[in-house]
Amino acid sequence: MPEAADDKMLCYCRNVRYGVVRKVIAEGDLRSPEQVTAACSAGSGCRSCRPEIEELIAEHRRRHRGLLRWLRRLFPSAGARG
């Protein structure tokens, strides 16, 4: 699925755009649609946007995992405790 622009509407019931949802997911490291709803009210109306919210959470998790792998390669001894 192609990435939607930040200014595109995601939740029509609550007038919340993709960019707002991406921001609250990233800033709060949110992991569930319920957390997103609590943070910005997206998904609290008819819930038809819930699959998109779940996909944005999964997208964030994939990016976060990739960043962690990259950091571990860059700083292999940073996680070691002695």
Protein backbone atom coordinates (compact mmCIF):
# COMPACT_ATOMS: atom_id res chain seq x y z
CA MET A 1 0.00 0.00 0.00
CA PRO A 2 1.47 3.40 -0.97
CA GLU A 3 2.11 5.79 1.88
CA ALA A 4 -0.65 8.38 2.28
CA ALA A 5 0.27 12.05 2.50
CA ASP A 6 0.26 13.56 5.98
CA ASP A 7 -2.43 16.07 5.00
CA LYS A 8 -4.82 13.36 3.77
CA MET A 9 -7.83 12.67 6.00
CA LEU A 10 -7.65 9.38 7.88
CA CYS A 11 -10.57 9.61 10.32
CA TYR A 12 -13.51 11.46 8.81
CA CYS A 13 -15.67 11.08 11.91
CA ARG A 14 -13.19 12.97 14.09
CA ASN A 15 -11.46 15.00 11.33
CA VAL A 16 -7.98 13.55 11.99
CA ARG A 17 -5.31 13.45 9.29
CA TYR A 18 -2.64 10.81 8.63
CA GLY A 19 0.12 13.15 9.80
CA VAL A 20 -1.48 13.61 13.21
CA VAL A 21 -1.80 9.86 13.69
CA ARG A 22 1.80 9.26 12.56
CA LYS A 23 2.98 11.94 14.99
CA VAL A 24 1.15 10.58 18.05
CA ILE A 25 2.31 7.03 17.25
CA ALA A 26 5.94 8.13 16.96
CA GLU A 27 5.97 10.51 19.93
CA GLY A 28 4.24 8.08 22.27
CA ASP A 29 5.67 4.89 20.75
CA LEU A 30 2.04 3.72 20.67
CA ARG A 31 1.35 0.05 20.04
CA SER A 32 -2.42 -0.29 19.81
CA PRO A 33 -5.35 1.41 18.06
CA GLU A 34 -6.85 2.09 21.49
CA GLN A 35 -3.78 4.11 22.46
CA VAL A 36 -4.05 6.10 19.22
CA THR A 37 -7.73 6.77 19.92
CA ALA A 38 -6.90 8.00 23.41
CA ALA A 39 -4.16 10.27 22.04
CA CYS A 40 -6.00 11.94 19.15
CA SER A 41 -9.56 10.46 18.98
CA ALA A 42 -8.98 8.84 15.57
CA GLY A 43 -10.96 5.62 15.36
CA SER A 44 -13.50 6.57 18.00
CA GLY A 45 -16.41 7.08 15.60
CA CYS A 46 -17.48 4.50 13.04
CA ARG A 47 -14.08 2.70 13.32
CA SER A 48 -13.74 2.26 9.55
CA CYS A 49 -10.26 3.83 9.78
CA ARG A 50 -9.05 1.21 12.29
CA PRO A 51 -7.28 -0.92 9.62
CA GLU A 52 -5.31 2.14 8.51
CA ILE A 53 -4.42 2.96 12.11
CA GLU A 54 -3.21 -0.61 12.61
CA GLU A 55 -1.11 -0.36 9.45
CA LEU A 56 0.46 2.93 10.60
CA ILE A 57 1.36 1.30 13.92
CA ALA A 58 2.91 -1.67 12.08
CA GLU A 59 4.80 0.71 9.78
CA HIS A 60 6.21 2.56 12.80
CA ARG A 61 7.23 -0.72 14.47
CA ARG A 62 9.02 -1.90 11.28
CA ARG A 63 10.95 1.37 11.04
CA HIS A 64 11.79 1.27 14.74
CA ARG A 65 13.10 -2.31 14.48
CA GLY A 66 15.28 -1.31 11.53
CA LEU A 67 16.71 1.62 13.46
CA LEU A 68 17.51 -0.58 16.45
CA ARG A 69 19.31 -3.10 14.23
CA TRP A 70 21.31 -0.30 12.64
CA LEU A 71 22.27 1.15 16.04
CA ARG A 72 23.33 -2.28 17.34
CA ARG A 73 25.62 -2.73 14.32
CA LEU A 74 27.03 0.77 14.80
CA PHE A 75 27.53 0.41 18.57
CA PRO A 76 27.87 -3.33 19.27
CA SER A 77 29.18 -2.93 22.83
CA ALA A 78 26.60 -0.30 23.90
CA GLY A 79 24.14 -2.95 25.09
CA ALA A 80 26.74 -4.97 26.99
CA ARG A 81 26.81 -4.48 30.75
CA GLY A 82 29.74 -5.47 32.81
